[in-house]
Amino acid sequence: MNGVKKEHLPSKICPVCRLPFSWRKKWERNWERVKYCSERCRREAKLKRSTS
C-alpha cells in the first residue's frame, strides 16, 4: 500500500468505542482479523466477556 493517501485506506468501526479506525502497516498481514482500534479497546472487550 505504498503511496496511498490516508483517505483511501480501508477502515472499520471498533465494536467497543464505535469509532472508525484505518488500516495500519502493522496490520498488513492480518487486517481481516483486526477487530479493535487499540489495545485498550481489545482489553475492554475481553473484560466485558469475562464478567458476563
N, C-alpha and C. Protein backbone atom coordinates (compact mmCIF):
# COMPACT_ATOMS: atom_id res chain seq x y z
N MET A 1 0.83 -1.20 0.00
CA MET A 1 0.00 0.00 0.00
C MET A 1 0.87 1.26 0.00
N ASN A 2 1.98 1.20 -0.66
CA ASN A 2 2.86 2.37 -0.71
C ASN A 2 2.23 3.51 -1.48
N GLY A 3 2.38 4.71 -0.96
CA GLY A 3 1.92 5.89 -1.64
C GLY A 3 0.42 6.10 -1.67
N VAL A 4 -0.32 5.41 -0.83
CA VAL A 4 -1.77 5.57 -0.78
C VAL A 4 -2.12 6.65 0.23
N LYS A 5 -2.96 7.57 -0.18
CA LYS A 5 -3.37 8.64 0.74
C LYS A 5 -4.26 8.07 1.84
N LYS A 6 -4.17 8.68 3.00
CA LYS A 6 -4.90 8.19 4.18
C LYS A 6 -6.40 8.06 3.93
N GLU A 7 -6.99 8.99 3.21
CA GLU A 7 -8.43 8.91 2.98
C GLU A 7 -8.84 7.73 2.09
N HIS A 8 -7.85 7.10 1.43
CA HIS A 8 -8.15 5.95 0.57
C HIS A 8 -7.84 4.61 1.22
N LEU A 9 -7.40 4.62 2.48
CA LEU A 9 -7.11 3.38 3.18
C LEU A 9 -8.41 2.73 3.64
N PRO A 10 -8.42 1.40 3.73
CA PRO A 10 -9.62 0.73 4.26
C PRO A 10 -9.83 1.10 5.73
N SER A 11 -11.06 1.07 6.17
CA SER A 11 -11.34 1.38 7.57
C SER A 11 -12.42 0.45 8.10
N LYS A 12 -12.51 0.41 9.42
CA LYS A 12 -13.51 -0.41 10.13
C LYS A 12 -14.03 0.40 11.30
N ILE A 13 -15.11 -0.09 11.91
CA ILE A 13 -15.67 0.53 13.11
C ILE A 13 -15.34 -0.38 14.29
N CYS A 14 -14.77 0.20 15.33
CA CYS A 14 -14.43 -0.56 16.53
C CYS A 14 -15.72 -0.93 17.28
N PRO A 15 -15.92 -2.20 17.62
CA PRO A 15 -17.15 -2.60 18.31
C PRO A 15 -17.23 -2.11 19.77
N VAL A 16 -16.13 -1.69 20.34
CA VAL A 16 -16.13 -1.23 21.73
C VAL A 16 -16.43 0.27 21.82
N CYS A 17 -15.63 1.09 21.14
CA CYS A 17 -15.80 2.54 21.24
C CYS A 17 -16.65 3.12 20.11
N ARG A 18 -16.99 2.29 19.12
CA ARG A 18 -17.84 2.69 17.98
C ARG A 18 -17.23 3.80 17.11
N LEU A 19 -15.90 3.96 17.16
CA LEU A 19 -15.23 4.95 16.33
C LEU A 19 -14.56 4.27 15.14
N PRO A 20 -14.47 4.97 14.02
CA PRO A 20 -13.80 4.39 12.86
C PRO A 20 -12.28 4.39 13.05
N PHE A 21 -11.62 3.38 12.51
CA PHE A 21 -10.16 3.35 12.51
C PHE A 21 -9.69 2.83 11.17
N SER A 22 -8.51 3.29 10.76
CA SER A 22 -7.98 2.98 9.43
C SER A 22 -6.89 1.92 9.49
N TRP A 23 -6.66 1.32 8.34
CA TRP A 23 -5.61 0.34 8.14
C TRP A 23 -4.26 0.90 8.58
N ARG A 24 -3.45 0.06 9.19
CA ARG A 24 -2.09 0.45 9.57
C ARG A 24 -1.12 -0.58 9.04
N LYS A 25 0.09 -0.15 8.78
CA LYS A 25 1.13 -1.03 8.23
C LYS A 25 1.32 -2.27 9.10
N LYS A 26 1.27 -2.11 10.43
CA LYS A 26 1.49 -3.26 11.33
C LYS A 26 0.38 -4.31 11.21
N TRP A 27 -0.78 -3.92 10.65
CA TRP A 27 -1.89 -4.86 10.46
C TRP A 27 -1.92 -5.43 9.05
N GLU A 28 -0.89 -5.18 8.27
CA GLU A 28 -0.89 -5.56 6.86
C GLU A 28 -1.19 -7.04 6.64
N ARG A 29 -0.61 -7.92 7.43
CA ARG A 29 -0.77 -9.36 7.22
C ARG A 29 -2.08 -9.92 7.75
N ASN A 30 -2.73 -9.23 8.70
CA ASN A 30 -3.94 -9.79 9.30
C ASN A 30 -5.07 -8.79 9.43
N TRP A 31 -5.22 -7.89 8.48
CA TRP A 31 -6.27 -6.87 8.52
C TRP A 31 -7.66 -7.50 8.65
N GLU A 32 -7.88 -8.65 8.04
CA GLU A 32 -9.19 -9.31 8.11
C GLU A 32 -9.54 -9.71 9.54
N ARG A 33 -8.52 -10.01 10.36
CA ARG A 33 -8.77 -10.45 11.74
C ARG A 33 -8.78 -9.31 12.75
N VAL A 34 -8.38 -8.10 12.35
CA VAL A 34 -8.35 -6.96 13.27
C VAL A 34 -9.78 -6.52 13.58
N LYS A 35 -10.11 -6.44 14.87
CA LYS A 35 -11.46 -6.05 15.28
C LYS A 35 -11.49 -4.73 16.03
N TYR A 36 -10.44 -4.47 16.79
CA TYR A 36 -10.43 -3.33 17.70
C TYR A 36 -9.42 -2.27 17.26
N CYS A 37 -9.72 -1.00 17.58
CA CYS A 37 -8.87 0.11 17.16
C CYS A 37 -7.60 0.22 18.00
N SER A 38 -7.63 -0.34 19.21
CA SER A 38 -6.48 -0.19 20.10
C SER A 38 -6.41 -1.35 21.08
N GLU A 39 -5.28 -1.44 21.74
CA GLU A 39 -5.09 -2.45 22.78
C GLU A 39 -6.07 -2.20 23.92
N ARG A 40 -6.33 -0.95 24.21
CA ARG A 40 -7.27 -0.60 25.28
C ARG A 40 -8.67 -1.16 24.99
N CYS A 41 -9.15 -0.98 23.76
CA CYS A 41 -10.48 -1.50 23.40
C CYS A 41 -10.49 -3.03 23.39
N ARG A 42 -9.38 -3.63 22.98
CA ARG A 42 -9.31 -5.10 22.99
C ARG A 42 -9.42 -5.63 24.42
N ARG A 43 -8.69 -4.99 25.35
CA ARG A 43 -8.76 -5.39 26.76
C ARG A 43 -10.14 -5.16 27.33
N GLU A 44 -10.75 -4.04 26.98
CA GLU A 44 -12.11 -3.72 27.45
C GLU A 44 -13.11 -4.79 27.01
N ALA A 45 -13.01 -5.22 25.77
CA ALA A 45 -13.91 -6.25 25.25
C ALA A 45 -13.68 -7.57 25.98
N LYS A 46 -12.43 -7.89 26.24
CA LYS A 46 -12.11 -9.12 26.95
C LYS A 46 -12.66 -9.08 28.37
N LEU A 47 -12.57 -7.92 29.02
CA LEU A 47 -13.11 -7.72 30.37
C LEU A 47 -14.62 -7.93 30.39
N LYS A 48 -15.30 -7.34 29.42
CA LYS A 48 -16.76 -7.44 29.35
C LYS A 48 -17.20 -8.89 29.14
N ARG A 49 -16.45 -9.63 28.32
CA ARG A 49 -16.79 -11.03 28.06
C ARG A 49 -16.60 -11.89 29.31
N SER A 50 -15.56 -11.63 30.09
CA SER A 50 -15.29 -12.46 31.26
C SER A 50 -16.22 -12.16 32.43
N THR A 51 -16.80 -10.95 32.48
CA THR A 51 -17.69 -10.61 33.59
C THR A 51 -19.15 -10.95 33.30
N SER A 52 -19.48 -11.19 32.05
CA SER A 52 -20.89 -11.51 31.76
C SER A 52 -21.14 -12.98 31.62
